[in-house]
Amino acid sequence: MERCMKKLVDDIPVSYRQEIGDGYYVSITTGFYCIDIRKFFIPHGKTEIVATRRGLALRLGEWANLRKIMVAIDNSHPTLATAMSCCSMMTT
């Protein structure tokens, strides 16, 4: 992902998307200088996934700050690495 961010800054075409769980994806796309986090779904009668309208877009600097905070949290609370997502326990 960090390589994709560098490509984005260097104006090299990039299209990156990775699922982080429960239908949520992190995306980096040429032309948008941000890290996009949103839920995707498959519309009724379709076969391709589509992004929801709601999501979170973090500027590259904001993403860098969040990564630093995540490292500090991981170091301070190593038991969180084995925690189960509450989303995976919910039913619709």
PDB file of N, CA and C in Angstrom:
ATOM      1  N   MET A   1       0.818  -1.187   0.000  1.00  0.00           N
ATOM      2  CA  MET A   1       0.000   0.000   0.000  1.00  0.00           C
ATOM      3  C   MET A   1       0.865   1.255   0.000  1.00  0.00           C
ATOM      4  N   GLU A   2       1.964   1.209   0.741  1.00  0.00           N
ATOM      5  CA  GLU A   2       2.855   2.374   0.784  1.00  0.00           C
ATOM      6  C   GLU A   2       3.443   2.648  -0.596  1.00  0.00           C
ATOM      7  N   ARG A   3       3.728   1.584  -1.375  1.00  0.00           N
ATOM      8  CA  ARG A   3       4.239   1.777  -2.738  1.00  0.00           C
ATOM      9  C   ARG A   3       3.195   2.467  -3.612  1.00  0.00           C
ATOM     10  N   CYS A   4       1.936   2.109  -3.419  1.00  0.00           N
ATOM     11  CA  CYS A   4       0.855   2.736  -4.187  1.00  0.00           C
ATOM     12  C   CYS A   4       0.738   4.213  -3.841  1.00  0.00           C
ATOM     13  N   MET A   5       0.911   4.543  -2.559  1.00  0.00           N
ATOM     14  CA  MET A   5       0.851   5.952  -2.154  1.00  0.00           C
ATOM     15  C   MET A   5       1.981   6.735  -2.822  1.00  0.00           C
ATOM     16  N   LYS A   6       3.181   6.137  -2.878  1.00  0.00           N
ATOM     17  CA  LYS A   6       4.309   6.817  -3.520  1.00  0.00           C
ATOM     18  C   LYS A   6       4.017   7.026  -5.003  1.00  0.00           C
ATOM     19  N   LYS A   7       3.446   6.019  -5.671  1.00  0.00           N
ATOM     20  CA  LYS A   7       3.086   6.172  -7.081  1.00  0.00           C
ATOM     21  C   LYS A   7       2.092   7.312  -7.261  1.00  0.00           C
ATOM     22  N   LEU A   8       1.137   7.395  -6.346  1.00  0.00           N
ATOM     23  CA  LEU A   8       0.129   8.443  -6.416  1.00  0.00           C
ATOM     24  C   LEU A   8       0.784   9.820  -6.346  1.00  0.00           C
ATOM     25  N   VAL A   9       1.703   9.984  -5.410  1.00  0.00           N
ATOM     26  CA  VAL A   9       2.404  11.259  -5.238  1.00  0.00           C
ATOM     27  C   VAL A   9       3.277  11.571  -6.449  1.00  0.00           C
ATOM     28  N   ASP A  10       3.862  10.534  -7.050  1.00  0.00           N
ATOM     29  CA  ASP A  10       4.734  10.718  -8.220  1.00  0.00           C
ATOM     30  C   ASP A  10       3.951  10.779  -9.532  1.00  0.00           C
ATOM     31  N   ASP A  11       2.625  10.848  -9.458  1.00  0.00           N
ATOM     32  CA  ASP A  11       1.751  10.896 -10.642  1.00  0.00           C
ATOM     33  C   ASP A  11       1.933   9.698 -11.576  1.00  0.00           C
ATOM     34  N   ILE A  12       2.161   8.529 -10.986  1.00  0.00           N
ATOM     35  CA  ILE A  12       2.208   7.274 -11.736  1.00  0.00           C
ATOM     36  C   ILE A  12       0.836   6.623 -11.569  1.00  0.00           C
ATOM     37  N   PRO A  13       0.212   6.159 -12.662  1.00  0.00           N
ATOM     38  CA  PRO A  13      -1.122   5.561 -12.537  1.00  0.00           C
ATOM     39  C   PRO A  13      -1.157   4.427 -11.509  1.00  0.00           C
ATOM     40  N   VAL A  14      -2.182   4.454 -10.667  1.00  0.00           N
ATOM     41  CA  VAL A  14      -2.320   3.433  -9.632  1.00  0.00           C
ATOM     42  C   VAL A  14      -3.804   3.124  -9.428  1.00  0.00           C
ATOM     43  N   SER A  15      -4.077   1.851  -9.214  1.00  0.00           N
ATOM     44  CA  SER A  15      -5.423   1.408  -8.884  1.00  0.00           C
ATOM     45  C   SER A  15      -5.280   0.269  -7.882  1.00  0.00           C
ATOM     46  N   TYR A  16      -5.537   0.555  -6.619  1.00  0.00           N
ATOM     47  CA  TYR A  16      -5.317  -0.404  -5.534  1.00  0.00           C
ATOM     48  C   TYR A  16      -6.583  -0.505  -4.701  1.00  0.00           C
ATOM     49  N   ARG A  17      -6.986  -1.731  -4.389  1.00  0.00           N
ATOM     50  CA  ARG A  17      -8.129  -1.931  -3.497  1.00  0.00           C
ATOM     51  C   ARG A  17      -7.909  -3.226  -2.738  1.00  0.00           C
ATOM     52  N   GLN A  18      -8.052  -3.162  -1.421  1.00  0.00           N
ATOM     53  CA  GLN A  18      -7.869  -4.335  -0.576  1.00  0.00           C
ATOM     54  C   GLN A  18      -8.982  -4.400   0.451  1.00  0.00           C
ATOM     55  N   GLU A  19      -9.583  -5.583   0.583  1.00  0.00           N
ATOM     56  CA  GLU A  19     -10.630  -5.757   1.577  1.00  0.00           C
ATOM     57  C   GLU A  19     -10.010  -5.817   2.960  1.00  0.00           C
ATOM     58  N   ILE A  20     -10.629  -5.116   3.909  1.00  0.00           N
ATOM     59  CA  ILE A  20     -10.140  -5.132   5.287  1.00  0.00           C
ATOM     60  C   ILE A  20     -11.132  -5.820   6.212  1.00  0.00           C
ATOM     61  N   GLY A  21     -12.204  -6.377   5.641  1.00  0.00           N
ATOM     62  CA  GLY A  21     -13.155  -7.145   6.422  1.00  0.00           C
ATOM     63  C   GLY A  21     -14.564  -6.621   6.329  1.00  0.00           C
ATOM     64  N   ASP A  22     -15.515  -7.532   6.380  1.00  0.00           N
ATOM     65  CA  ASP A  22     -16.948  -7.234   6.403  1.00  0.00           C
ATOM     66  C   ASP A  22     -17.398  -6.339   5.246  1.00  0.00           C
ATOM     67  N   GLY A  23     -16.783  -6.525   4.081  1.00  0.00           N
ATOM     68  CA  GLY A  23     -17.180  -5.750   2.909  1.00  0.00           C
ATOM     69  C   GLY A  23     -16.557  -4.373   2.814  1.00  0.00           C
ATOM     70  N   TYR A  24     -15.693  -4.012   3.749  1.00  0.00           N
ATOM     71  CA  TYR A  24     -15.009  -2.721   3.715  1.00  0.00           C
ATOM     72  C   TYR A  24     -13.689  -2.861   2.972  1.00  0.00           C
ATOM     73  N   TYR A  25     -13.382  -1.851   2.164  1.00  0.00           N
ATOM     74  CA  TYR A  25     -12.165  -1.845   1.365  1.00  0.00           C
ATOM     75  C   TYR A  25     -11.403  -0.550   1.569  1.00  0.00           C
ATOM     76  N   VAL A  26     -10.081  -0.644   1.432  1.00  0.00           N
ATOM     77  CA  VAL A  26      -9.207   0.529   1.380  1.00  0.00           C
ATOM     78  C   VAL A  26      -8.797   0.659  -0.081  1.00  0.00           C
ATOM     79  N   SER A  27      -8.940   1.859  -0.635  1.00  0.00           N
ATOM     80  CA  SER A  27      -8.640   2.076  -2.054  1.00  0.00           C
ATOM     81  C   SER A  27      -7.727   3.276  -2.241  1.00  0.00           C
ATOM     82  N   ILE A  28      -6.862   3.147  -3.256  1.00  0.00           N
ATOM     83  CA  ILE A  28      -6.026   4.266  -3.714  1.00  0.00           C
ATOM     84  C   ILE A  28      -6.187   4.298  -5.227  1.00  0.00           C
ATOM     85  N   THR A  29      -6.559   5.454  -5.768  1.00  0.00           N
ATOM     86  CA  THR A  29      -6.830   5.564  -7.193  1.00  0.00           C
ATOM     87  C   THR A  29      -6.198   6.837  -7.748  1.00  0.00           C
ATOM     88  N   THR A  30      -5.620   6.720  -8.923  1.00  0.00           N
ATOM     89  CA  THR A  30      -5.035   7.871  -9.610  1.00  0.00           C
ATOM     90  C   THR A  30      -6.060   9.003  -9.698  1.00  0.00           C
ATOM     91  N   GLY A  31      -5.597  10.216  -9.435  1.00  0.00           N
ATOM     92  CA  GLY A  31      -6.464  11.391  -9.544  1.00  0.00           C
ATOM     93  C   GLY A  31      -7.076  11.817  -8.225  1.00  0.00           C
ATOM     94  N   PHE A  32      -7.028  10.951  -7.223  1.00  0.00           N
ATOM     95  CA  PHE A  32      -7.576  11.263  -5.905  1.00  0.00           C
ATOM     96  C   PHE A  32      -6.452  11.121  -4.892  1.00  0.00           C
ATOM     97  N   TYR A  33      -6.005  12.213  -4.321  1.00  0.00           N
ATOM     98  CA  TYR A  33      -4.872  12.183  -3.404  1.00  0.00           C
ATOM     99  C   TYR A  33      -5.342  11.892  -1.992  1.00  0.00           C
ATOM    100  N   CYS A  34      -5.909  10.694  -1.846  1.00  0.00           N
ATOM    101  CA  CYS A  34      -6.414  10.283  -0.539  1.00  0.00           C
ATOM    102  C   CYS A  34      -6.494   8.765  -0.460  1.00  0.00           C
ATOM    103  N   ILE A  35      -6.653   8.282   0.749  1.00  0.00           N
ATOM    104  CA  ILE A  35      -6.902   6.876   1.023  1.00  0.00           C
ATOM    105  C   ILE A  35      -8.401   6.784   1.280  1.00  0.00           C
ATOM    106  N   ASP A  36      -9.086   5.980   0.496  1.00  0.00           N
ATOM    107  CA  ASP A  36     -10.540   5.880   0.576  1.00  0.00           C
ATOM    108  C   ASP A  36     -10.910   4.593   1.304  1.00  0.00           C
ATOM    109  N   ILE A  37     -11.746   4.710   2.314  1.00  0.00           N
ATOM    110  CA  ILE A  37     -12.216   3.549   3.077  1.00  0.00           C
ATOM    111  C   ILE A  37     -13.738   3.561   3.011  1.00  0.00           C
ATOM    112  N   ARG A  38     -14.308   2.511   2.443  1.00  0.00           N
ATOM    113  CA  ARG A  38     -15.772   2.447   2.355  1.00  0.00           C
ATOM    114  C   ARG A  38     -16.224   1.016   2.167  1.00  0.00           C
ATOM    115  N   LYS A  39     -17.498   0.815   2.396  1.00  0.00           N
ATOM    116  CA  LYS A  39     -18.106  -0.495   2.230  1.00  0.00           C
ATOM    117  C   LYS A  39     -18.531  -0.671   0.781  1.00  0.00           C
ATOM    118  N   PHE A  40     -18.370  -1.882   0.274  1.00  0.00           N
ATOM    119  CA  PHE A  40     -18.815  -2.246  -1.062  1.00  0.00           C
ATOM    120  C   PHE A  40     -19.900  -3.301  -0.931  1.00  0.00           C
ATOM    121  N   PHE A  41     -20.737  -3.399  -1.950  1.00  0.00           N
ATOM    122  CA  PHE A  41     -21.798  -4.402  -1.945  1.00  0.00           C
ATOM    123  C   PHE A  41     -22.085  -4.820  -3.381  1.00  0.00           C
ATOM    124  N   ILE A  42     -22.816  -5.909  -3.530  1.00  0.00           N
ATOM    125  CA  ILE A  42     -23.237  -6.364  -4.848  1.00  0.00           C
ATOM    126  C   ILE A  42     -24.722  -6.051  -4.982  1.00  0.00           C
ATOM    127  N   PRO A  43     -25.095  -5.128  -5.884  1.00  0.00           N
ATOM    128  CA  PRO A  43     -26.503  -4.789  -6.064  1.00  0.00           C
ATOM    129  C   PRO A  43     -27.308  -6.002  -6.546  1.00  0.00           C
ATOM    130  N   HIS A  44     -28.570  -6.012  -6.186  1.00  0.00           N
ATOM    131  CA  HIS A  44     -29.465  -7.102  -6.580  1.00  0.00           C
ATOM    132  C   HIS A  44     -29.463  -7.257  -8.100  1.00  0.00           C
ATOM    133  N   GLY A  45     -29.235  -8.466  -8.553  1.00  0.00           N
ATOM    134  CA  GLY A  45     -29.241  -8.751  -9.975  1.00  0.00           C
ATOM    135  C   GLY A  45     -27.935  -8.446 -10.686  1.00  0.00           C
ATOM    136  N   LYS A  46     -26.919  -8.018  -9.978  1.00  0.00           N
ATOM    137  CA  LYS A  46     -25.623  -7.677 -10.578  1.00  0.00           C
ATOM    138  C   LYS A  46     -24.566  -8.665 -10.088  1.00  0.00           C
ATOM    139  N   THR A  47     -23.388  -8.618 -10.696  1.00  0.00           N
ATOM    140  CA  THR A  47     -22.307  -9.509 -10.297  1.00  0.00           C
ATOM    141  C   THR A  47     -21.060  -8.774  -9.819  1.00  0.00           C
ATOM    142  N   GLU A  48     -20.962  -7.464 -10.115  1.00  0.00           N
ATOM    143  CA  GLU A  48     -19.784  -6.697  -9.706  1.00  0.00           C
ATOM    144  C   GLU A  48     -20.074  -5.901  -8.443  1.00  0.00           C
ATOM    145  N   ILE A  49     -19.030  -5.774  -7.601  1.00  0.00           N
ATOM    146  CA  ILE A  49     -19.212  -4.995  -6.382  1.00  0.00           C
ATOM    147  C   ILE A  49     -19.205  -3.507  -6.711  1.00  0.00           C
ATOM    148  N   VAL A  50     -19.941  -2.751  -5.894  1.00  0.00           N
ATOM    149  CA  VAL A  50     -20.097  -1.303  -6.077  1.00  0.00           C
ATOM    150  C   VAL A  50     -19.872  -0.631  -4.725  1.00  0.00           C
ATOM    151  N   ALA A  51     -19.230   0.522  -4.743  1.00  0.00           N
ATOM    152  CA  ALA A  51     -18.985   1.266  -3.509  1.00  0.00           C
ATOM    153  C   ALA A  51     -20.261   1.955  -3.035  1.00  0.00           C
ATOM    154  N   THR A  52     -20.430   2.018  -1.722  1.00  0.00           N
ATOM    155  CA  THR A  52     -21.529   2.798  -1.166  1.00  0.00           C
ATOM    156  C   THR A  52     -21.169   4.277  -1.280  1.00  0.00           C
ATOM    157  N   ARG A  53     -22.156   5.138  -1.112  1.00  0.00           N
ATOM    158  CA  ARG A  53     -21.895   6.582  -1.188  1.00  0.00           C
ATOM    159  C   ARG A  53     -21.173   7.093   0.044  1.00  0.00           C
ATOM    160  N   ARG A  54     -21.415   6.456   1.156  1.00  0.00           N
ATOM    161  CA  ARG A  54     -20.786   6.893   2.402  1.00  0.00           C
ATOM    162  C   ARG A  54     -19.445   6.209   2.586  1.00  0.00           C
ATOM    163  N   GLY A  55     -18.488   6.976   3.057  1.00  0.00           N
ATOM    164  CA  GLY A  55     -17.172   6.425   3.288  1.00  0.00           C
ATOM    165  C   GLY A  55     -16.288   7.462   3.957  1.00  0.00           C
ATOM    166  N   LEU A  56     -15.035   7.128   4.041  1.00  0.00           N
ATOM    167  CA  LEU A  56     -14.060   7.991   4.686  1.00  0.00           C
ATOM    168  C   LEU A  56     -12.893   8.174   3.732  1.00  0.00           C
ATOM    169  N   ALA A  57     -12.528   9.398   3.454  1.00  0.00           N
ATOM    170  CA  ALA A  57     -11.375   9.700   2.613  1.00  0.00           C
ATOM    171  C   ALA A  57     -10.376  10.473   3.458  1.00  0.00           C
ATOM    172  N   LEU A  58      -9.197   9.901   3.608  1.00  0.00           N
ATOM    173  CA  LEU A  58      -8.146  10.541   4.394  1.00  0.00           C
ATOM    174  C   LEU A  58      -7.073  11.070   3.458  1.00  0.00           C
ATOM    175  N   ARG A  59      -6.707  12.344   3.627  1.00  0.00           N
ATOM    176  CA  ARG A  59      -5.591  12.895   2.869  1.00  0.00           C
ATOM    177  C   ARG A  59      -4.339  12.109   3.252  1.00  0.00           C
ATOM    178  N   LEU A  60      -3.330  12.148   2.408  1.00  0.00           N
ATOM    179  CA  LEU A  60      -2.134  11.346   2.637  1.00  0.00           C
ATOM    180  C   LEU A  60      -1.476  11.659   3.978  1.00  0.00           C
ATOM    181  N   GLY A  61      -1.447  12.923   4.370  1.00  0.00           N
ATOM    182  CA  GLY A  61      -0.884  13.303   5.669  1.00  0.00           C
ATOM    183  C   GLY A  61      -1.715  12.777   6.827  1.00  0.00           C
ATOM    184  N   GLU A  62      -3.029  12.808   6.662  1.00  0.00           N
ATOM    185  CA  GLU A  62      -3.917  12.266   7.698  1.00  0.00           C
ATOM    186  C   GLU A  62      -3.716  10.758   7.837  1.00  0.00           C
ATOM    187  N   TRP A  63      -3.531  10.069   6.708  1.00  0.00           N
ATOM    188  CA  TRP A  63      -3.289   8.637   6.751  1.00  0.00           C
ATOM    189  C   TRP A  63      -1.971   8.338   7.484  1.00  0.00           C
ATOM    190  N   ALA A  64      -0.940   9.122   7.202  1.00  0.00           N
ATOM    191  CA  ALA A  64       0.355   8.928   7.867  1.00  0.00           C
ATOM    192  C   ALA A  64       0.214   9.101   9.378  1.00  0.00           C
ATOM    193  N   ASN A  65      -0.553  10.108   9.801  1.00  0.00           N
ATOM    194  CA  ASN A  65      -0.780  10.311  11.242  1.00  0.00           C
ATOM    195  C   ASN A  65      -1.554   9.152  11.850  1.00  0.00           C
ATOM    196  N   LEU A  66      -2.570   8.659  11.144  1.00  0.00           N
ATOM    197  CA  LEU A  66      -3.347   7.526  11.638  1.00  0.00           C
ATOM    198  C   LEU A  66      -2.476   6.287  11.787  1.00  0.00           C
ATOM    199  N   ARG A  67      -1.579   6.049  10.826  1.00  0.00           N
ATOM    200  CA  ARG A  67      -0.668   4.893  10.907  1.00  0.00           C
ATOM    201  C   ARG A  67       0.209   4.978  12.151  1.00  0.00           C
ATOM    202  N   LYS A  68       0.696   6.182  12.478  1.00  0.00           N
ATOM    203  CA  LYS A  68       1.516   6.355  13.681  1.00  0.00           C
ATOM    204  C   LYS A  68       0.705   6.025  14.929  1.00  0.00           C
ATOM    205  N   ILE A  69      -0.533   6.490  14.958  1.00  0.00           N
ATOM    206  CA  ILE A  69      -1.402   6.224  16.111  1.00  0.00           C
ATOM    207  C   ILE A  69      -1.688   4.730  16.221  1.00  0.00           C
ATOM    208  N   MET A  70      -1.928   4.069  15.083  1.00  0.00           N
ATOM    209  CA  MET A  70      -2.210   2.627  15.105  1.00  0.00           C
ATOM    210  C   MET A  70      -1.015   1.837  15.645  1.00  0.00           C
ATOM    211  N   VAL A  71       0.194   2.239  15.283  1.00  0.00           N
ATOM    212  CA  VAL A  71       1.395   1.566  15.790  1.00  0.00           C
ATOM    213  C   VAL A  71       1.488   1.742  17.303  1.00  0.00           C
ATOM    214  N   ALA A  72       1.223   2.960  17.794  1.00  0.00           N
ATOM    215  CA  ALA A  72       1.273   3.220  19.234  1.00  0.00           C
ATOM    216  C   ALA A  72       0.225   2.379  19.972  1.00  0.00           C
ATOM    217  N   ILE A  73      -0.969   2.275  19.409  1.00  0.00           N
ATOM    218  CA  ILE A  73      -2.027   1.465  20.036  1.00  0.00           C
ATOM    219  C   ILE A  73      -1.629  -0.001  20.039  1.00  0.00           C
ATOM    220  N   ASP A  74      -1.116  -0.496  18.912  1.00  0.00           N
ATOM    221  CA  ASP A  74      -0.679  -1.904  18.838  1.00  0.00           C
ATOM    222  C   ASP A  74       0.393  -2.205  19.874  1.00  0.00           C
ATOM    223  N   ASN A  75       1.342  -1.278  20.039  1.00  0.00           N
ATOM    224  CA  ASN A  75       2.417  -1.483  21.013  1.00  0.00           C
ATOM    225  C   ASN A  75       1.908  -1.432  22.445  1.00  0.00           C
ATOM    226  N   SER A  76       0.945  -0.570  22.723  1.00  0.00           N
ATOM    227  CA  SER A  76       0.430  -0.413  24.084  1.00  0.00           C
ATOM    228  C   SER A  76      -0.566  -1.504  24.472  1.00  0.00           C
ATOM    229  N   HIS A  77      -1.271  -2.052  23.485  1.00  0.00           N
ATOM    230  CA  HIS A  77      -2.333  -3.032  23.754  1.00  0.00           C
ATOM    231  C   HIS A  77      -2.223  -4.219  22.797  1.00  0.00           C
ATOM    232  N   PRO A  78      -1.224  -5.081  22.966  1.00  0.00           N
ATOM    233  CA  PRO A  78      -1.023  -6.185  22.030  1.00  0.00           C
ATOM    234  C   PRO A  78      -2.185  -7.178  21.988  1.00  0.00           C
ATOM    235  N   THR A  79      -3.011  -7.223  23.034  1.00  0.00           N
ATOM    236  CA  THR A  79      -4.144  -8.154  23.028  1.00  0.00           C
ATOM    237  C   THR A  79      -5.204  -7.764  22.007  1.00  0.00           C
ATOM    238  N   LEU A  80      -5.188  -6.517  21.542  1.00  0.00           N
ATOM    239  CA  LEU A  80      -6.157  -6.100  20.529  1.00  0.00           C
ATOM    240  C   LEU A  80      -5.942  -6.826  19.198  1.00  0.00           C
ATOM    241  N   ALA A  81      -4.738  -7.346  18.980  1.00  0.00           N
ATOM    242  CA  ALA A  81      -4.449  -8.057  17.734  1.00  0.00           C
ATOM    243  C   ALA A  81      -5.307  -9.309  17.585  1.00  0.00           C
ATOM    244  N   THR A  82      -5.777  -9.862  18.705  1.00  0.00           N
ATOM    245  CA  THR A  82      -6.584 -11.077  18.651  1.00  0.00           C
ATOM    246  C   THR A  82      -8.073 -10.791  18.859  1.00  0.00           C
ATOM    247  N   ALA A  83      -8.442  -9.525  18.924  1.00  0.00           N
ATOM    248  CA  ALA A  83      -9.850  -9.166  19.141  1.00  0.00           C
ATOM    249  C   ALA A  83     -10.680  -9.486  17.906  1.00  0.00           C
ATOM    250  N   MET A  84     -11.936  -9.876  18.138  1.00  0.00           N
ATOM    251  CA  MET A  84     -12.852 -10.174  17.040  1.00  0.00           C
ATOM    252  C   MET A  84     -13.652  -8.917  16.712  1.00  0.00           C
ATOM    253  N   SER A  85     -13.810  -8.655  15.426  1.00  0.00           N
ATOM    254  CA  SER A  85     -14.588  -7.496  14.988  1.00  0.00           C
ATOM    255  C   SER A  85     -16.038  -7.657  15.413  1.00  0.00           C
ATOM    256  N   CYS A  86     -16.623  -6.602  15.959  1.00  0.00           N
ATOM    257  CA  CYS A  86     -18.028  -6.666  16.337  1.00  0.00           C
ATOM    258  C   CYS A  86     -18.931  -6.752  15.119  1.00  0.00           C
ATOM    259  N   CYS A  87     -18.448  -6.260  13.966  1.00  0.00           N
ATOM    260  CA  CYS A  87     -19.237  -6.335  12.727  1.00  0.00           C
ATOM    261  C   CYS A  87     -19.446  -7.774  12.299  1.00  0.00           C
ATOM    262  N   SER A  88     -18.452  -8.616  12.525  1.00  0.00           N
ATOM    263  CA  SER A  88     -18.584 -10.009  12.095  1.00  0.00           C
ATOM    264  C   SER A  88     -19.549 -10.775  12.972  1.00  0.00           C
ATOM    265  N   MET A  89     -19.891 -10.249  14.140  1.00  0.00           N
ATOM    266  CA  MET A  89     -20.831 -10.913  15.044  1.00  0.00           C
ATOM    267  C   MET A  89     -22.252 -10.434  14.823  1.00  0.00           C
ATOM    268  N   MET A  90     -22.426  -9.322  14.104  1.00  0.00           N
ATOM    269  CA  MET A  90     -23.764  -8.762  13.892  1.00  0.00           C
ATOM    270  C   MET A  90     -24.493  -9.518  12.802  1.00  0.00           C
ATOM    271  N   THR A  91     -25.810  -9.553  12.913  1.00  0.00           N
ATOM    272  CA  THR A  91     -26.630 -10.129  11.855  1.00  0.00           C
ATOM    273  C   THR A  91     -27.485  -9.040  11.256  1.00  0.00           C
ATOM    274  N   THR A  92     -27.850  -9.203   9.998  1.00  0.00           N
ATOM    275  CA  THR A  92     -28.666  -8.177   9.345  1.00  0.00           C
ATOM    276  C   THR A  92     -30.083  -8.611   9.229  1.00  0.00           C
TER     277      THR A  92
END
